[in-house]
N, C-alpha and C. Protein backbone atom coordinates (compact mmCIF):
# COMPACT_ATOMS: atom_id res chain seq x y z
N MET A 1 22.35 -10.79 -7.21
CA MET A 1 22.17 -9.84 -6.13
C MET A 1 20.68 -9.58 -5.97
N SER A 2 20.18 -9.55 -4.76
CA SER A 2 18.76 -9.32 -4.54
C SER A 2 18.45 -7.84 -4.64
N LEU A 3 17.19 -7.55 -4.90
CA LEU A 3 16.77 -6.16 -5.11
C LEU A 3 17.01 -5.28 -3.90
N ASP A 4 16.91 -5.84 -2.68
CA ASP A 4 17.06 -4.99 -1.50
C ASP A 4 18.49 -4.47 -1.35
N THR A 5 19.48 -5.12 -1.98
CA THR A 5 20.84 -4.60 -1.92
C THR A 5 21.18 -3.75 -3.14
N GLU A 6 20.40 -3.85 -4.21
CA GLU A 6 20.62 -3.04 -5.39
C GLU A 6 20.07 -1.62 -5.22
N HIS A 7 19.06 -1.46 -4.40
CA HIS A 7 18.39 -0.18 -4.20
C HIS A 7 18.47 0.23 -2.74
N PRO A 8 18.68 1.52 -2.48
CA PRO A 8 18.69 1.96 -1.08
C PRO A 8 17.27 1.90 -0.49
N LEU A 9 17.21 1.58 0.79
CA LEU A 9 15.92 1.56 1.48
C LEU A 9 15.48 2.98 1.82
N PRO A 10 14.18 3.22 1.80
CA PRO A 10 13.70 4.52 2.30
C PRO A 10 14.12 4.69 3.76
N GLU A 11 14.28 5.92 4.16
CA GLU A 11 14.76 6.24 5.50
C GLU A 11 13.91 5.59 6.60
N GLY A 12 14.59 5.03 7.58
CA GLY A 12 13.93 4.47 8.75
C GLY A 12 13.55 3.01 8.65
N TYR A 13 13.66 2.42 7.49
CA TYR A 13 13.31 1.00 7.33
C TYR A 13 14.44 0.11 7.80
N GLU A 14 14.06 -1.01 8.40
CA GLU A 14 15.03 -2.03 8.81
C GLU A 14 14.52 -3.39 8.37
N SER A 15 15.42 -4.34 8.23
CA SER A 15 15.04 -5.69 7.82
C SER A 15 14.11 -6.33 8.83
N LEU A 16 13.08 -6.98 8.33
CA LEU A 16 12.20 -7.77 9.17
C LEU A 16 12.90 -9.10 9.39
N GLN A 17 13.01 -9.51 10.64
CA GLN A 17 13.72 -10.75 10.93
C GLN A 17 13.02 -11.94 10.29
N THR A 18 13.75 -13.00 10.11
CA THR A 18 13.19 -14.24 9.59
C THR A 18 12.78 -15.14 10.74
N GLY A 19 12.14 -16.25 10.42
CA GLY A 19 11.70 -17.18 11.45
C GLY A 19 10.32 -16.86 11.98
N LEU A 20 9.54 -16.08 11.21
CA LEU A 20 8.21 -15.67 11.65
C LEU A 20 7.10 -16.48 10.99
N GLY A 21 7.44 -17.65 10.50
CA GLY A 21 6.43 -18.49 9.87
C GLY A 21 6.11 -18.00 8.47
N TYR A 22 4.84 -17.98 8.14
CA TYR A 22 4.40 -17.64 6.79
C TYR A 22 4.89 -16.27 6.33
N THR A 23 5.06 -15.36 7.26
CA THR A 23 5.54 -14.01 6.92
C THR A 23 6.88 -14.07 6.19
N ASP A 24 7.65 -15.12 6.41
CA ASP A 24 8.94 -15.25 5.73
C ASP A 24 8.79 -15.32 4.21
N THR A 25 7.60 -15.62 3.70
CA THR A 25 7.40 -15.66 2.25
C THR A 25 7.56 -14.27 1.62
N LEU A 26 7.50 -13.22 2.43
CA LEU A 26 7.67 -11.86 1.92
C LEU A 26 9.14 -11.45 1.80
N GLN A 27 10.03 -12.22 2.38
CA GLN A 27 11.44 -11.81 2.45
C GLN A 27 12.04 -11.61 1.07
N PRO A 28 12.95 -10.65 0.93
CA PRO A 28 13.33 -9.69 1.95
C PRO A 28 12.25 -8.62 2.14
N CYS A 29 11.90 -8.41 3.40
CA CYS A 29 10.84 -7.48 3.77
C CYS A 29 11.38 -6.54 4.84
N PHE A 30 10.83 -5.35 4.90
CA PHE A 30 11.35 -4.32 5.79
C PHE A 30 10.19 -3.62 6.51
N ARG A 31 10.50 -3.08 7.69
CA ARG A 31 9.46 -2.36 8.42
C ARG A 31 10.02 -1.07 8.99
N ARG A 32 9.07 -0.16 9.25
CA ARG A 32 9.41 1.11 9.88
C ARG A 32 8.30 1.41 10.88
N ILE A 33 8.69 1.59 12.13
CA ILE A 33 7.74 1.97 13.18
C ILE A 33 8.33 3.20 13.87
N VAL A 34 7.64 4.32 13.71
CA VAL A 34 8.06 5.57 14.31
C VAL A 34 6.86 6.11 15.07
N GLY A 35 6.93 6.06 16.40
CA GLY A 35 5.78 6.46 17.20
C GLY A 35 4.60 5.57 16.88
N SER A 36 3.51 6.16 16.45
CA SER A 36 2.32 5.37 16.10
C SER A 36 2.25 5.06 14.60
N GLU A 37 3.23 5.54 13.84
CA GLU A 37 3.25 5.30 12.40
C GLU A 37 3.88 3.94 12.10
N VAL A 38 3.14 3.12 11.35
CA VAL A 38 3.59 1.76 11.02
C VAL A 38 3.55 1.57 9.52
N SER A 39 4.64 1.05 8.96
CA SER A 39 4.64 0.69 7.55
C SER A 39 5.61 -0.46 7.32
N PHE A 40 5.28 -1.27 6.33
CA PHE A 40 6.11 -2.38 5.89
C PHE A 40 6.32 -2.20 4.40
N GLY A 41 7.48 -2.62 3.92
CA GLY A 41 7.75 -2.48 2.50
C GLY A 41 8.65 -3.56 1.96
N LEU A 42 8.67 -3.68 0.64
CA LEU A 42 9.56 -4.62 -0.02
C LEU A 42 9.77 -4.21 -1.47
N TRP A 43 10.89 -4.67 -2.02
CA TRP A 43 11.14 -4.55 -3.45
C TRP A 43 10.50 -5.75 -4.08
N VAL A 44 9.60 -5.56 -5.02
CA VAL A 44 8.93 -6.69 -5.68
C VAL A 44 9.99 -7.45 -6.47
N ASP A 45 10.19 -8.70 -6.09
CA ASP A 45 11.19 -9.56 -6.71
C ASP A 45 10.47 -10.72 -7.39
N LYS A 46 11.22 -11.59 -8.02
CA LYS A 46 10.62 -12.70 -8.76
C LYS A 46 9.71 -13.56 -7.88
N GLN A 47 10.14 -13.84 -6.65
CA GLN A 47 9.35 -14.71 -5.77
C GLN A 47 8.05 -14.05 -5.28
N HIS A 48 7.93 -12.73 -5.48
CA HIS A 48 6.71 -12.01 -5.09
C HIS A 48 5.73 -11.86 -6.26
N SER A 49 6.13 -12.33 -7.43
CA SER A 49 5.39 -12.04 -8.65
C SER A 49 4.59 -13.23 -9.17
N ASN A 50 3.57 -12.91 -9.95
CA ASN A 50 2.80 -13.96 -10.62
C ASN A 50 3.40 -14.19 -12.01
N SER A 51 2.74 -15.00 -12.81
CA SER A 51 3.28 -15.34 -14.14
C SER A 51 3.28 -14.15 -15.10
N MET A 52 2.59 -13.07 -14.74
CA MET A 52 2.58 -11.87 -15.59
C MET A 52 3.66 -10.87 -15.18
N GLY A 53 4.45 -11.23 -14.16
CA GLY A 53 5.52 -10.34 -13.70
C GLY A 53 5.06 -9.21 -12.82
N ILE A 54 3.82 -9.31 -12.31
CA ILE A 54 3.33 -8.28 -11.38
C ILE A 54 3.21 -8.88 -9.98
N CYS A 55 3.21 -8.02 -8.99
CA CYS A 55 3.15 -8.48 -7.60
C CYS A 55 1.88 -9.29 -7.38
N HIS A 56 2.03 -10.47 -6.83
CA HIS A 56 0.92 -11.39 -6.60
C HIS A 56 -0.02 -10.83 -5.53
N GLY A 57 -1.31 -11.02 -5.71
CA GLY A 57 -2.30 -10.56 -4.74
C GLY A 57 -2.09 -11.15 -3.36
N GLY A 58 -1.60 -12.37 -3.28
CA GLY A 58 -1.33 -12.99 -1.98
C GLY A 58 -0.23 -12.26 -1.22
N VAL A 59 0.75 -11.74 -1.93
CA VAL A 59 1.81 -10.94 -1.31
C VAL A 59 1.20 -9.66 -0.76
N LEU A 60 0.35 -9.01 -1.55
CA LEU A 60 -0.28 -7.77 -1.10
C LEU A 60 -1.16 -8.02 0.12
N MET A 61 -1.89 -9.13 0.13
CA MET A 61 -2.75 -9.45 1.27
C MET A 61 -1.92 -9.74 2.52
N THR A 62 -0.84 -10.49 2.35
CA THR A 62 0.02 -10.78 3.51
C THR A 62 0.66 -9.50 4.03
N LEU A 63 1.12 -8.65 3.15
CA LEU A 63 1.70 -7.37 3.56
C LEU A 63 0.66 -6.53 4.30
N ALA A 64 -0.57 -6.49 3.78
CA ALA A 64 -1.64 -5.74 4.45
C ALA A 64 -1.93 -6.33 5.83
N ASP A 65 -1.97 -7.64 5.94
CA ASP A 65 -2.29 -8.31 7.20
C ASP A 65 -1.26 -8.00 8.29
N ILE A 66 0.02 -8.15 7.96
CA ILE A 66 1.03 -7.91 9.00
C ILE A 66 1.11 -6.43 9.35
N THR A 67 0.88 -5.58 8.38
CA THR A 67 0.91 -4.13 8.65
C THR A 67 -0.25 -3.73 9.56
N ALA A 68 -1.45 -4.20 9.24
CA ALA A 68 -2.63 -3.85 10.04
C ALA A 68 -2.54 -4.42 11.45
N ALA A 69 -2.14 -5.67 11.58
CA ALA A 69 -2.01 -6.29 12.92
C ALA A 69 -0.97 -5.55 13.75
N THR A 70 0.14 -5.18 13.13
CA THR A 70 1.17 -4.43 13.84
C THR A 70 0.64 -3.06 14.23
N GLY A 71 -0.14 -2.43 13.36
CA GLY A 71 -0.74 -1.14 13.69
C GLY A 71 -1.62 -1.21 14.92
N VAL A 72 -2.41 -2.27 15.03
CA VAL A 72 -3.26 -2.47 16.21
C VAL A 72 -2.39 -2.66 17.45
N ASN A 73 -1.35 -3.49 17.34
CA ASN A 73 -0.48 -3.74 18.49
C ASN A 73 0.26 -2.49 18.94
N VAL A 74 0.74 -1.70 18.00
CA VAL A 74 1.43 -0.45 18.36
C VAL A 74 0.45 0.50 19.05
N ALA A 75 -0.77 0.59 18.55
CA ALA A 75 -1.78 1.45 19.18
C ALA A 75 -2.09 1.00 20.60
N ARG A 76 -2.06 -0.31 20.82
CA ARG A 76 -2.32 -0.85 22.16
C ARG A 76 -1.11 -0.72 23.07
N GLY A 77 0.07 -0.55 22.50
CA GLY A 77 1.29 -0.51 23.30
C GLY A 77 1.67 -1.88 23.82
N VAL A 78 1.25 -2.92 23.10
CA VAL A 78 1.48 -4.29 23.54
C VAL A 78 2.17 -5.06 22.43
N HIS A 79 3.10 -5.93 22.81
CA HIS A 79 3.78 -6.80 21.85
C HIS A 79 3.16 -8.18 21.98
N ALA A 80 2.21 -8.48 21.12
CA ALA A 80 1.47 -9.73 21.25
C ALA A 80 0.94 -10.19 19.90
N GLY A 81 0.59 -11.46 19.84
CA GLY A 81 -0.11 -11.96 18.66
C GLY A 81 -1.51 -11.39 18.64
N THR A 82 -1.98 -11.03 17.47
CA THR A 82 -3.31 -10.46 17.31
C THR A 82 -3.96 -11.16 16.13
N PRO A 83 -4.73 -12.22 16.38
CA PRO A 83 -5.31 -12.99 15.27
C PRO A 83 -6.26 -12.17 14.40
N THR A 84 -6.16 -12.40 13.11
CA THR A 84 -7.02 -11.71 12.15
C THR A 84 -8.40 -12.34 12.13
N ILE A 85 -9.42 -11.54 12.28
CA ILE A 85 -10.81 -11.99 12.16
C ILE A 85 -11.30 -11.76 10.74
N ASN A 86 -10.98 -10.60 10.20
CA ASN A 86 -11.41 -10.26 8.85
C ASN A 86 -10.36 -9.36 8.22
N LEU A 87 -10.11 -9.60 6.94
CA LEU A 87 -9.21 -8.73 6.19
C LEU A 87 -9.82 -8.52 4.82
N SER A 88 -10.02 -7.27 4.47
CA SER A 88 -10.56 -6.91 3.17
C SER A 88 -9.51 -6.12 2.42
N VAL A 89 -9.22 -6.55 1.20
CA VAL A 89 -8.24 -5.85 0.37
C VAL A 89 -8.87 -5.54 -0.98
N ASP A 90 -8.82 -4.30 -1.37
CA ASP A 90 -9.26 -3.88 -2.70
C ASP A 90 -8.02 -3.64 -3.54
N PHE A 91 -7.89 -4.39 -4.63
CA PHE A 91 -6.75 -4.25 -5.53
C PHE A 91 -7.08 -3.15 -6.53
N ILE A 92 -6.23 -2.14 -6.61
CA ILE A 92 -6.51 -0.96 -7.41
C ILE A 92 -5.60 -0.85 -8.63
N ALA A 93 -4.33 -1.15 -8.44
CA ALA A 93 -3.35 -1.06 -9.54
C ALA A 93 -2.31 -2.15 -9.33
N SER A 94 -1.37 -2.24 -10.22
CA SER A 94 -0.35 -3.30 -10.10
C SER A 94 1.02 -2.69 -9.83
N ALA A 95 1.87 -3.53 -9.27
CA ALA A 95 3.28 -3.21 -9.09
C ALA A 95 4.07 -4.29 -9.81
N ARG A 96 5.16 -3.90 -10.41
CA ARG A 96 5.98 -4.83 -11.21
C ARG A 96 7.28 -5.15 -10.50
N GLN A 97 7.94 -6.20 -10.97
CA GLN A 97 9.24 -6.55 -10.42
C GLN A 97 10.16 -5.34 -10.47
N GLY A 98 10.85 -5.12 -9.36
CA GLY A 98 11.74 -3.97 -9.25
C GLY A 98 11.12 -2.78 -8.56
N ASP A 99 9.79 -2.77 -8.41
CA ASP A 99 9.11 -1.67 -7.73
C ASP A 99 9.23 -1.80 -6.21
N TRP A 100 9.35 -0.66 -5.53
CA TRP A 100 9.27 -0.61 -4.08
C TRP A 100 7.81 -0.36 -3.71
N ILE A 101 7.24 -1.24 -2.88
CA ILE A 101 5.87 -1.04 -2.41
C ILE A 101 5.88 -0.91 -0.89
N GLU A 102 4.97 -0.10 -0.38
CA GLU A 102 4.85 0.13 1.07
C GLU A 102 3.40 -0.03 1.49
N ALA A 103 3.19 -0.76 2.56
CA ALA A 103 1.87 -0.82 3.21
C ALA A 103 1.93 0.13 4.40
N ARG A 104 0.98 1.07 4.45
CA ARG A 104 0.98 2.10 5.49
C ARG A 104 -0.34 2.09 6.26
N VAL A 105 -0.24 2.12 7.56
CA VAL A 105 -1.41 2.24 8.41
C VAL A 105 -1.92 3.67 8.31
N GLU A 106 -3.23 3.81 8.09
CA GLU A 106 -3.85 5.14 8.02
C GLU A 106 -4.67 5.44 9.27
N SER A 107 -5.41 4.46 9.78
CA SER A 107 -6.20 4.69 10.99
C SER A 107 -6.33 3.39 11.78
N VAL A 108 -6.40 3.55 13.10
CA VAL A 108 -6.53 2.42 14.02
C VAL A 108 -7.54 2.78 15.09
N SER A 109 -8.37 1.82 15.43
CA SER A 109 -9.31 1.96 16.54
C SER A 109 -9.23 0.68 17.37
N VAL A 110 -9.06 0.85 18.66
CA VAL A 110 -8.95 -0.31 19.56
C VAL A 110 -10.10 -0.29 20.55
N ARG A 111 -10.78 -1.40 20.64
CA ARG A 111 -11.86 -1.59 21.60
C ARG A 111 -11.43 -2.67 22.60
N ARG A 112 -12.32 -3.07 23.46
CA ARG A 112 -11.98 -4.02 24.51
C ARG A 112 -11.40 -5.32 23.98
N ARG A 113 -12.01 -5.95 23.03
CA ARG A 113 -11.56 -7.24 22.51
C ARG A 113 -11.26 -7.23 21.01
N PHE A 114 -11.39 -6.07 20.38
CA PHE A 114 -11.17 -6.01 18.93
C PHE A 114 -10.37 -4.76 18.56
N GLY A 115 -9.55 -4.92 17.53
CA GLY A 115 -8.82 -3.80 16.96
C GLY A 115 -9.21 -3.68 15.49
N PHE A 116 -9.29 -2.47 15.02
CA PHE A 116 -9.66 -2.20 13.63
C PHE A 116 -8.57 -1.33 13.02
N CYS A 117 -8.19 -1.66 11.80
CA CYS A 117 -7.12 -0.92 11.16
C CYS A 117 -7.39 -0.81 9.67
N SER A 118 -7.09 0.34 9.11
CA SER A 118 -7.19 0.52 7.66
C SER A 118 -5.92 1.18 7.17
N GLY A 119 -5.65 0.98 5.89
CA GLY A 119 -4.46 1.58 5.32
C GLY A 119 -4.40 1.39 3.82
N ASN A 120 -3.26 1.72 3.27
CA ASN A 120 -3.04 1.65 1.84
C ASN A 120 -1.70 1.00 1.54
N ILE A 121 -1.62 0.38 0.37
CA ILE A 121 -0.35 -0.09 -0.16
C ILE A 121 -0.07 0.80 -1.36
N VAL A 122 1.10 1.40 -1.36
CA VAL A 122 1.46 2.34 -2.42
C VAL A 122 2.76 1.94 -3.11
N CYS A 123 2.90 2.45 -4.31
CA CYS A 123 4.13 2.33 -5.09
C CYS A 123 4.42 3.75 -5.56
N GLY A 124 5.30 4.43 -4.84
CA GLY A 124 5.51 5.86 -5.11
C GLY A 124 4.25 6.62 -4.79
N ASP A 125 3.74 7.37 -5.73
CA ASP A 125 2.51 8.14 -5.55
C ASP A 125 1.26 7.37 -5.96
N LYS A 126 1.44 6.15 -6.44
CA LYS A 126 0.32 5.35 -6.95
C LYS A 126 -0.19 4.39 -5.87
N ARG A 127 -1.51 4.43 -5.63
CA ARG A 127 -2.10 3.49 -4.68
C ARG A 127 -2.31 2.16 -5.39
N ILE A 128 -1.77 1.10 -4.80
CA ILE A 128 -1.86 -0.26 -5.35
C ILE A 128 -3.08 -0.97 -4.78
N ALA A 129 -3.31 -0.77 -3.48
CA ALA A 129 -4.42 -1.45 -2.81
C ALA A 129 -4.78 -0.67 -1.55
N ARG A 130 -6.00 -0.91 -1.08
CA ARG A 130 -6.41 -0.40 0.22
C ARG A 130 -6.88 -1.59 1.04
N PHE A 131 -6.75 -1.49 2.35
CA PHE A 131 -7.11 -2.62 3.21
C PHE A 131 -7.81 -2.17 4.48
N ASN A 132 -8.63 -3.07 5.00
CA ASN A 132 -9.31 -2.91 6.29
C ASN A 132 -9.23 -4.25 7.00
N GLY A 133 -8.87 -4.22 8.27
CA GLY A 133 -8.78 -5.46 9.03
C GLY A 133 -9.42 -5.34 10.39
N THR A 134 -9.92 -6.47 10.86
CA THR A 134 -10.45 -6.60 12.22
C THR A 134 -9.64 -7.68 12.91
N PHE A 135 -9.20 -7.40 14.13
CA PHE A 135 -8.30 -8.31 14.85
C PHE A 135 -8.83 -8.58 16.24
N TYR A 136 -8.66 -9.82 16.68
CA TYR A 136 -9.09 -10.24 18.02
C TYR A 136 -7.98 -9.90 19.00
N ILE A 137 -8.37 -9.30 20.12
CA ILE A 137 -7.43 -9.00 21.19
C ILE A 137 -7.68 -9.99 22.32
N PRO A 138 -6.83 -11.01 22.45
CA PRO A 138 -7.05 -12.04 23.46
C PRO A 138 -6.92 -11.49 24.88
N ASP A 139 -7.59 -12.15 25.80
CA ASP A 139 -7.54 -11.72 27.19
C ASP A 139 -6.60 -12.60 28.01
N HIS A 140 -5.63 -13.21 27.33
CA HIS A 140 -4.65 -14.06 28.01
C HIS A 140 -3.29 -13.85 27.36
N ASP A 141 -2.24 -14.36 28.00
CA ASP A 141 -0.88 -14.18 27.49
C ASP A 141 -0.44 -15.27 26.53
N GLY A 142 -1.29 -16.23 26.25
CA GLY A 142 -0.90 -17.39 25.48
C GLY A 142 -0.47 -17.11 24.06
N LEU A 143 -0.83 -15.97 23.49
CA LEU A 143 -0.50 -15.69 22.10
C LEU A 143 0.63 -14.68 21.95
N LYS A 144 1.25 -14.28 23.03
CA LYS A 144 2.33 -13.32 22.94
C LYS A 144 3.57 -13.99 22.36
N ALA A 145 4.32 -13.25 21.61
CA ALA A 145 5.56 -13.75 21.02
C ALA A 145 6.60 -12.65 21.04
N THR A 146 7.85 -13.03 21.23
CA THR A 146 8.92 -12.03 21.29
C THR A 146 9.17 -11.39 19.95
N TRP A 147 8.83 -12.04 18.85
CA TRP A 147 9.10 -11.46 17.53
C TRP A 147 8.23 -10.23 17.26
N ALA A 148 7.21 -10.01 18.04
CA ALA A 148 6.31 -8.88 17.80
C ALA A 148 6.89 -7.57 18.35
N GLN A 149 8.10 -7.62 18.92
CA GLN A 149 8.70 -6.44 19.49
C GLN A 149 8.98 -5.42 18.39
N PRO A 150 8.65 -4.16 18.61
CA PRO A 150 9.00 -3.13 17.61
C PRO A 150 10.51 -2.88 17.64
N PRO A 151 11.06 -2.27 16.62
CA PRO A 151 12.48 -1.99 16.59
C PRO A 151 12.87 -1.00 17.67
N GLY A 152 14.13 -1.01 18.01
CA GLY A 152 14.62 -0.01 18.95
C GLY A 152 14.99 -0.62 20.19
């Protein structure tokens, strides 16, 4: 049995659909979008862990990336691809298999062609990582995708 069925999800989270390319490596993964609040979470499982049994930094970076990009898109009110220009992640603590971790958007700023987002990844009351991202806002429809639709 996978961890997401062994433990109840925090309120408001829903399964992130599959078929999103590299993002599928986070599965099972969940998201919550309420107004301008954006967060993604997962139960750290074996496939998310390194050889020491802690959540792999690549998982944390991917979680930060999709959370920050979604935060920019929600702030813009647009469902579109938003390519990452820069992503900075500071690893602060570790999460172990069985832990629920959440990436939460803390602040977003949108300019003409760029979006900026910062946030934290937490495990309960413990901060696991903090992140800052810069995203390109294209001036054409070529990068829009239906999978970027928020829930609801």
